[in-house]
Amino acid sequence: MTNASLKSFVDRLFERETEKRSVAQDCREIKTEAKAAGLNPAAIARIVKDKLRDAEKAAKEAEITETVE
């Protein structure tokens, strides 16, 4: 492995970690806004988690269906 490829991996990971922190901050702000609007941020987070799980399940089922066909 060359220094250039190591630097490339480090730079790519650093960029993603920076993006991840920015997105996490955005999520915190959205939850704060929801709470200020009188909504339950924990309930909203649960709904989002369920939607993500449903999307992942649907994708997995579609993958299995494609494999069978």
N, C-alpha and C. Protein backbone atom coordinates (compact mmCIF):
# COMPACT_ATOMS: atom_id res chain seq x y z
N MET A 1 0.86 -1.17 0.00
CA MET A 1 0.00 0.00 0.00
C MET A 1 0.91 1.24 0.00
N THR A 2 0.59 2.14 -0.85
CA THR A 2 1.40 3.35 -0.97
C THR A 2 0.86 4.43 -0.03
N ASN A 3 1.69 5.42 0.19
CA ASN A 3 1.26 6.55 1.01
C ASN A 3 0.07 7.27 0.39
N ALA A 4 0.05 7.33 -0.94
CA ALA A 4 -1.05 8.00 -1.64
C ALA A 4 -2.37 7.28 -1.41
N SER A 5 -2.35 5.96 -1.46
CA SER A 5 -3.61 5.23 -1.26
C SER A 5 -4.04 5.32 0.21
N LEU A 6 -3.09 5.29 1.13
CA LEU A 6 -3.44 5.46 2.55
C LEU A 6 -4.06 6.83 2.77
N LYS A 7 -3.47 7.85 2.19
CA LYS A 7 -4.00 9.21 2.32
C LYS A 7 -5.40 9.28 1.73
N SER A 8 -5.62 8.61 0.62
CA SER A 8 -6.93 8.60 -0.01
C SER A 8 -7.98 7.99 0.92
N PHE A 9 -7.65 6.86 1.54
CA PHE A 9 -8.58 6.22 2.48
C PHE A 9 -8.85 7.13 3.67
N VAL A 10 -7.81 7.71 4.21
CA VAL A 10 -7.96 8.60 5.37
C VAL A 10 -8.83 9.80 4.99
N ASP A 11 -8.57 10.40 3.85
CA ASP A 11 -9.35 11.56 3.42
C ASP A 11 -10.81 11.22 3.20
N ARG A 12 -11.07 10.07 2.57
CA ARG A 12 -12.45 9.66 2.32
C ARG A 12 -13.19 9.40 3.62
N LEU A 13 -12.54 8.70 4.55
CA LEU A 13 -13.18 8.41 5.83
C LEU A 13 -13.41 9.69 6.63
N PHE A 14 -12.42 10.59 6.61
CA PHE A 14 -12.57 11.86 7.31
C PHE A 14 -13.77 12.64 6.77
N GLU A 15 -13.91 12.65 5.46
CA GLU A 15 -15.03 13.36 4.84
C GLU A 15 -16.37 12.76 5.28
N ARG A 16 -16.45 11.44 5.29
CA ARG A 16 -17.71 10.78 5.70
C ARG A 16 -18.02 11.04 7.17
N GLU A 17 -16.99 10.99 8.02
CA GLU A 17 -17.20 11.26 9.44
C GLU A 17 -17.67 12.69 9.66
N THR A 18 -17.12 13.62 8.90
CA THR A 18 -17.54 15.01 8.99
C THR A 18 -19.00 15.15 8.56
N GLU A 19 -19.35 14.49 7.47
CA GLU A 19 -20.74 14.51 7.00
C GLU A 19 -21.67 13.90 8.03
N LYS A 20 -21.23 12.80 8.64
CA LYS A 20 -22.04 12.11 9.64
C LYS A 20 -22.33 13.03 10.83
N ARG A 21 -21.32 13.77 11.26
CA ARG A 21 -21.51 14.69 12.38
C ARG A 21 -22.48 15.81 12.01
N SER A 22 -22.38 16.27 10.79
CA SER A 22 -23.28 17.32 10.32
C SER A 22 -24.72 16.82 10.28
N VAL A 23 -24.91 15.63 9.78
CA VAL A 23 -26.26 15.04 9.72
C VAL A 23 -26.80 14.80 11.13
N ALA A 24 -25.95 14.34 12.03
CA ALA A 24 -26.38 14.12 13.42
C ALA A 24 -26.83 15.44 14.04
N GLN A 25 -26.11 16.52 13.77
CA GLN A 25 -26.50 17.84 14.29
C GLN A 25 -27.84 18.25 13.70
N ASP A 26 -28.03 18.01 12.41
CA ASP A 26 -29.32 18.33 11.77
C ASP A 26 -30.45 17.55 12.44
N CYS A 27 -30.22 16.28 12.73
CA CYS A 27 -31.24 15.45 13.39
C CYS A 27 -31.58 15.99 14.77
N ARG A 28 -30.56 16.41 15.52
CA ARG A 28 -30.81 16.99 16.84
C ARG A 28 -31.65 18.26 16.72
N GLU A 29 -31.36 19.08 15.73
CA GLU A 29 -32.12 20.31 15.53
C GLU A 29 -33.58 20.01 15.18
N ILE A 30 -33.79 19.01 14.35
CA ILE A 30 -35.16 18.63 13.98
C ILE A 30 -35.93 18.16 15.21
N LYS A 31 -35.28 17.35 16.04
CA LYS A 31 -35.93 16.87 17.27
C LYS A 31 -36.26 18.03 18.20
N THR A 32 -35.35 19.00 18.29
CA THR A 32 -35.59 20.18 19.12
C THR A 32 -36.78 20.97 18.59
N GLU A 33 -36.86 21.13 17.27
CA GLU A 33 -37.99 21.84 16.66
C GLU A 33 -39.30 21.10 16.93
N ALA A 34 -39.26 19.78 16.82
CA ALA A 34 -40.47 18.98 17.07
C ALA A 34 -40.94 19.16 18.51
N LYS A 35 -39.98 19.13 19.43
CA LYS A 35 -40.32 19.29 20.85
C LYS A 35 -40.91 20.68 21.10
N ALA A 36 -40.33 21.70 20.47
CA ALA A 36 -40.84 23.06 20.62
C ALA A 36 -42.25 23.19 20.05
N ALA A 37 -42.57 22.35 19.06
CA ALA A 37 -43.91 22.37 18.46
C ALA A 37 -44.90 21.53 19.27
N GLY A 38 -44.43 20.98 20.39
CA GLY A 38 -45.32 20.20 21.26
C GLY A 38 -45.40 18.74 20.90
N LEU A 39 -44.51 18.27 20.04
CA LEU A 39 -44.52 16.87 19.63
C LEU A 39 -43.52 16.07 20.47
N ASN A 40 -43.64 14.77 20.42
CA ASN A 40 -42.77 13.89 21.18
C ASN A 40 -41.62 13.43 20.28
N PRO A 41 -40.41 13.95 20.49
CA PRO A 41 -39.28 13.57 19.63
C PRO A 41 -38.96 12.08 19.68
N ALA A 42 -39.14 11.45 20.81
CA ALA A 42 -38.87 10.02 20.92
C ALA A 42 -39.84 9.22 20.06
N ALA A 43 -41.09 9.63 20.04
CA ALA A 43 -42.09 8.95 19.22
C ALA A 43 -41.77 9.14 17.74
N ILE A 44 -41.35 10.34 17.38
CA ILE A 44 -40.98 10.60 15.99
C ILE A 44 -39.78 9.75 15.59
N ALA A 45 -38.80 9.67 16.47
CA ALA A 45 -37.61 8.86 16.20
C ALA A 45 -38.00 7.39 16.02
N ARG A 46 -38.95 6.92 16.81
CA ARG A 46 -39.41 5.53 16.70
C ARG A 46 -40.10 5.29 15.36
N ILE A 47 -40.91 6.22 14.95
CA ILE A 47 -41.60 6.10 13.65
C ILE A 47 -40.58 6.03 12.52
N VAL A 48 -39.57 6.90 12.59
CA VAL A 48 -38.52 6.89 11.56
C VAL A 48 -37.78 5.56 11.56
N LYS A 49 -37.46 5.06 12.75
CA LYS A 49 -36.77 3.77 12.86
C LYS A 49 -37.61 2.65 12.25
N ASP A 50 -38.90 2.66 12.51
CA ASP A 50 -39.79 1.65 11.95
C ASP A 50 -39.85 1.77 10.42
N LYS A 51 -39.90 3.00 9.92
CA LYS A 51 -39.93 3.19 8.47
C LYS A 51 -38.65 2.68 7.83
N LEU A 52 -37.51 2.92 8.47
CA LEU A 52 -36.24 2.42 7.95
C LEU A 52 -36.21 0.91 7.94
N ARG A 53 -36.70 0.30 9.01
CA ARG A 53 -36.72 -1.16 9.09
C ARG A 53 -37.63 -1.73 8.00
N ASP A 54 -38.79 -1.11 7.79
CA ASP A 54 -39.70 -1.56 6.75
C ASP A 54 -39.06 -1.45 5.37
N ALA A 55 -38.33 -0.37 5.12
CA ALA A 55 -37.67 -0.19 3.83
C ALA A 55 -36.58 -1.24 3.62
N GLU A 56 -35.82 -1.52 4.69
CA GLU A 56 -34.78 -2.55 4.60
C GLU A 56 -35.39 -3.93 4.36
N LYS A 57 -36.50 -4.20 5.04
CA LYS A 57 -37.18 -5.49 4.88
C LYS A 57 -37.71 -5.62 3.45
N ALA A 58 -38.29 -4.57 2.93
CA ALA A 58 -38.83 -4.59 1.57
C ALA A 58 -37.71 -4.81 0.56
N ALA A 59 -36.58 -4.16 0.76
CA ALA A 59 -35.44 -4.33 -0.15
C ALA A 59 -34.92 -5.76 -0.10
N LYS A 60 -34.86 -6.33 1.08
CA LYS A 60 -34.38 -7.70 1.22
C LYS A 60 -35.36 -8.67 0.54
N GLU A 61 -36.65 -8.45 0.72
CA GLU A 61 -37.64 -9.31 0.09
C GLU A 61 -37.57 -9.19 -1.43
N ALA A 62 -37.35 -7.99 -1.94
CA ALA A 62 -37.22 -7.79 -3.38
C ALA A 62 -35.99 -8.51 -3.91
N GLU A 63 -34.92 -8.47 -3.15
CA GLU A 63 -33.69 -9.17 -3.54
C GLU A 63 -33.92 -10.68 -3.61
N ILE A 64 -34.62 -11.21 -2.64
CA ILE A 64 -34.92 -12.65 -2.62
C ILE A 64 -35.80 -13.00 -3.81
N THR A 65 -36.80 -12.17 -4.09
CA THR A 65 -37.70 -12.41 -5.20
C THR A 65 -36.95 -12.42 -6.52
N GLU A 66 -36.04 -11.46 -6.68
CA GLU A 66 -35.24 -11.41 -7.92
C GLU A 66 -34.38 -12.65 -8.07
N THR A 67 -33.85 -13.15 -6.98
CA THR A 67 -33.01 -14.34 -7.01
C THR A 67 -33.82 -15.56 -7.45
N VAL A 68 -35.05 -15.65 -6.99
CA VAL A 68 -35.90 -16.80 -7.29
C VAL A 68 -36.36 -16.77 -8.74
N GLU A 69 -36.61 -15.61 -9.26
CA GLU A 69 -37.17 -15.49 -10.62
C GLU A 69 -36.19 -15.84 -11.68
